[in-house]
Amino acid sequence: MIQEFKEFINKGNLVDLAVAFVLGTAFAALVAAFIETMIDPLLGYITPGDNLASWEAGPFLVGAFVLAIIAFLAIALVIFFVVKVQPDEPSRGRGRGGRGDLGSPS
């Protein structure tokens, strides 16, 4: 049973998923810091208050929600480029269809 567990853990898919999760978490923190330190003060100039996070509509903190939406959209944009654009890159230079030199079918 222990051996099966070791084989399961050492499978490439699980390790790749764990690495992707850790990198995704770190990237989300990076985007959140960028939004809070760069975008929030810039948007603070056009909204009431010092920064967008402090913007309120009655009892609701609208600014914090707007910043969360901006962070979500930034992360979604990067994921879109990684998933949609990146897979097309390796196919360049391999000939027609991006399949490489597979030879003629028999």
C-alpha atoms as a PDB file:
ATOM      1  CA  MET A   1       0.000   0.000   0.000  1.00  0.00           C
ATOM      2  CA  ILE A   2       2.860   2.391   0.804  1.00  0.00           C
ATOM      3  CA  GLN A   3       4.522   1.547  -2.512  1.00  0.00           C
ATOM      4  CA  GLU A   4       1.309   2.312  -4.404  1.00  0.00           C
ATOM      5  CA  PHE A   5       1.063   5.643  -2.604  1.00  0.00           C
ATOM      6  CA  LYS A   6       4.678   6.508  -3.549  1.00  0.00           C
ATOM      7  CA  GLU A   7       3.956   5.652  -7.193  1.00  0.00           C
ATOM      8  CA  PHE A   8       0.823   7.788  -7.100  1.00  0.00           C
ATOM      9  CA  ILE A   9       2.681  10.756  -5.614  1.00  0.00           C
ATOM     10  CA  ASN A  10       5.577  10.471  -8.058  1.00  0.00           C
ATOM     11  CA  LYS A  11       3.371  10.444 -11.140  1.00  0.00           C
ATOM     12  CA  GLY A  12       4.188  13.377 -13.371  1.00  0.00           C
ATOM     13  CA  ASN A  13       0.628  14.668 -13.484  1.00  0.00           C
ATOM     14  CA  LEU A  14       0.313  15.036  -9.735  1.00  0.00           C
ATOM     15  CA  VAL A  15       3.699  16.695  -9.344  1.00  0.00           C
ATOM     16  CA  ASP A  16       2.953  19.035 -12.260  1.00  0.00           C
ATOM     17  CA  LEU A  17      -0.391  19.919 -10.701  1.00  0.00           C
ATOM     18  CA  ALA A  18       1.245  20.677  -7.351  1.00  0.00           C
ATOM     19  CA  VAL A  19       3.861  22.891  -8.988  1.00  0.00           C
ATOM     20  CA  ALA A  20       1.170  24.694 -10.990  1.00  0.00           C
ATOM     21  CA  PHE A  21      -0.849  25.264  -7.819  1.00  0.00           C
ATOM     22  CA  VAL A  22       2.118  26.741  -5.945  1.00  0.00           C
ATOM     23  CA  LEU A  23       3.085  28.949  -8.894  1.00  0.00           C
ATOM     24  CA  GLY A  24      -0.528  30.040  -9.341  1.00  0.00           C
ATOM     25  CA  THR A  25      -0.776  31.005  -5.690  1.00  0.00           C
ATOM     26  CA  ALA A  26       2.448  32.983  -5.893  1.00  0.00           C
ATOM     27  CA  PHE A  27       1.298  34.659  -9.103  1.00  0.00           C
ATOM     28  CA  ALA A  28      -2.024  35.628  -7.493  1.00  0.00           C
ATOM     29  CA  ALA A  29      -0.129  37.255  -4.622  1.00  0.00           C
ATOM     30  CA  LEU A  30       2.066  39.092  -7.115  1.00  0.00           C
ATOM     31  CA  VAL A  31      -0.948  40.392  -9.035  1.00  0.00           C
ATOM     32  CA  ALA A  32      -2.682  41.420  -5.808  1.00  0.00           C
ATOM     33  CA  ALA A  33       0.401  43.381  -4.719  1.00  0.00           C
ATOM     34  CA  PHE A  34       0.640  45.042  -8.134  1.00  0.00           C
ATOM     35  CA  ILE A  35      -3.033  46.017  -8.042  1.00  0.00           C
ATOM     36  CA  GLU A  36      -2.786  47.363  -4.485  1.00  0.00           C
ATOM     37  CA  THR A  37       0.458  49.308  -4.944  1.00  0.00           C
ATOM     38  CA  MET A  38       0.234  50.524  -8.537  1.00  0.00           C
ATOM     39  CA  ILE A  39      -3.320  50.417  -9.880  1.00  0.00           C
ATOM     40  CA  ASP A  40      -5.152  51.390  -6.686  1.00  0.00           C
ATOM     41  CA  PRO A  41      -3.272  54.688  -6.172  1.00  0.00           C
ATOM     42  CA  LEU A  42      -3.656  55.566  -9.861  1.00  0.00           C
ATOM     43  CA  LEU A  43      -7.395  54.978  -9.724  1.00  0.00           C
ATOM     44  CA  GLY A  44      -7.487  56.897  -6.451  1.00  0.00           C
ATOM     45  CA  TYR A  45      -6.877  60.087  -8.404  1.00  0.00           C
ATOM     46  CA  ILE A  46     -10.178  59.724 -10.265  1.00  0.00           C
ATOM     47  CA  THR A  47     -12.260  58.369  -7.385  1.00  0.00           C
ATOM     48  CA  PRO A  48     -13.132  60.029  -4.071  1.00  0.00           C
ATOM     49  CA  GLY A  49     -10.635  59.321  -1.295  1.00  0.00           C
ATOM     50  CA  ASP A  50      -6.954  58.503  -1.256  1.00  0.00           C
ATOM     51  CA  ASN A  51      -7.278  55.221  -3.085  1.00  0.00           C
ATOM     52  CA  LEU A  52      -9.912  53.073  -4.739  1.00  0.00           C
ATOM     53  CA  ALA A  53     -10.004  50.577  -1.854  1.00  0.00           C
ATOM     54  CA  SER A  54     -11.410  53.241   0.459  1.00  0.00           C
ATOM     55  CA  TRP A  55     -14.264  54.110  -1.914  1.00  0.00           C
ATOM     56  CA  GLU A  56     -17.627  53.487  -0.234  1.00  0.00           C
ATOM     57  CA  ALA A  57     -21.225  53.536  -1.387  1.00  0.00           C
ATOM     58  CA  GLY A  58     -23.152  53.784   1.831  1.00  0.00           C
ATOM     59  CA  PRO A  59     -22.129  50.898   4.092  1.00  0.00           C
ATOM     60  CA  PHE A  60     -20.568  48.951   1.222  1.00  0.00           C
ATOM     61  CA  LEU A  61     -16.852  48.991   0.390  1.00  0.00           C
ATOM     62  CA  VAL A  62     -17.277  49.171  -3.357  1.00  0.00           C
ATOM     63  CA  GLY A  63     -13.641  49.993  -4.036  1.00  0.00           C
ATOM     64  CA  ALA A  64     -12.297  46.775  -2.501  1.00  0.00           C
ATOM     65  CA  PHE A  65     -14.716  44.782  -4.631  1.00  0.00           C
ATOM     66  CA  VAL A  66     -13.690  46.644  -7.791  1.00  0.00           C
ATOM     67  CA  LEU A  67     -10.018  45.953  -7.013  1.00  0.00           C
ATOM     68  CA  ALA A  68     -10.821  42.251  -6.560  1.00  0.00           C
ATOM     69  CA  ILE A  69     -12.520  42.247  -9.973  1.00  0.00           C
ATOM     70  CA  ILE A  70      -9.481  43.944 -11.546  1.00  0.00           C
ATOM     71  CA  ALA A  71      -7.148  41.348  -9.966  1.00  0.00           C
ATOM     72  CA  PHE A  72      -9.381  38.503 -11.184  1.00  0.00           C
ATOM     73  CA  LEU A  73      -9.426  39.871 -14.721  1.00  0.00           C
ATOM     74  CA  ALA A  74      -5.637  40.305 -14.727  1.00  0.00           C
ATOM     75  CA  ILE A  75      -5.111  36.694 -13.628  1.00  0.00           C
ATOM     76  CA  ALA A  76      -7.710  35.438 -16.112  1.00  0.00           C
ATOM     77  CA  LEU A  77      -5.963  37.338 -18.916  1.00  0.00           C
ATOM     78  CA  VAL A  78      -2.610  35.740 -18.126  1.00  0.00           C
ATOM     79  CA  ILE A  79      -4.192  32.281 -17.914  1.00  0.00           C
ATOM     80  CA  PHE A  80      -5.874  32.918 -21.265  1.00  0.00           C
ATOM     81  CA  PHE A  81      -2.535  33.751 -22.861  1.00  0.00           C
ATOM     82  CA  VAL A  82      -0.834  30.736 -21.302  1.00  0.00           C
ATOM     83  CA  VAL A  83      -3.569  28.303 -22.313  1.00  0.00           C
ATOM     84  CA  LYS A  84      -4.575  29.776 -25.662  1.00  0.00           C
ATOM     85  CA  VAL A  85      -1.435  31.372 -27.061  1.00  0.00           C
ATOM     86  CA  GLN A  86       1.379  29.276 -25.571  1.00  0.00           C
ATOM     87  CA  PRO A  87       0.355  25.909 -27.098  1.00  0.00           C
ATOM     88  CA  ASP A  88       0.550  27.449 -30.575  1.00  0.00           C
ATOM     89  CA  GLU A  89       4.172  28.520 -30.104  1.00  0.00           C
ATOM     90  CA  PRO A  90       5.870  25.081 -30.192  1.00  0.00           C
ATOM     91  CA  SER A  91       4.123  24.204 -33.456  1.00  0.00           C
ATOM     92  CA  ARG A  92       5.974  26.942 -35.350  1.00  0.00           C
ATOM     93  CA  GLY A  93       8.733  25.705 -37.564  1.00  0.00           C
ATOM     94  CA  ARG A  94       7.573  22.120 -37.681  1.00  0.00           C
ATOM     95  CA  GLY A  95       5.899  22.291 -41.025  1.00  0.00           C
ATOM     96  CA  ARG A  96       2.240  22.177 -41.898  1.00  0.00           C
ATOM     97  CA  GLY A  97      -0.283  21.617 -39.142  1.00  0.00           C
ATOM     98  CA  GLY A  98       2.261  21.714 -36.322  1.00  0.00           C
ATOM     99  CA  ARG A  99       2.481  17.927 -36.139  1.00  0.00           C
ATOM    100  CA  GLY A 100       6.157  17.623 -36.860  1.00  0.00           C
ATOM    101  CA  ASP A 101       7.688  15.068 -39.186  1.00  0.00           C
ATOM    102  CA  LEU A 102       5.540  11.983 -38.619  1.00  0.00           C
ATOM    103  CA  GLY A 103       6.366  10.381 -41.936  1.00  0.00           C
ATOM    104  CA  SER A 104       3.867   9.112 -44.436  1.00  0.00           C
ATOM    105  CA  PRO A 105       1.022   6.918 -43.198  1.00  0.00           C
ATOM    106  CA  SER A 106       1.331   3.252 -44.132  1.00  0.00           C
END
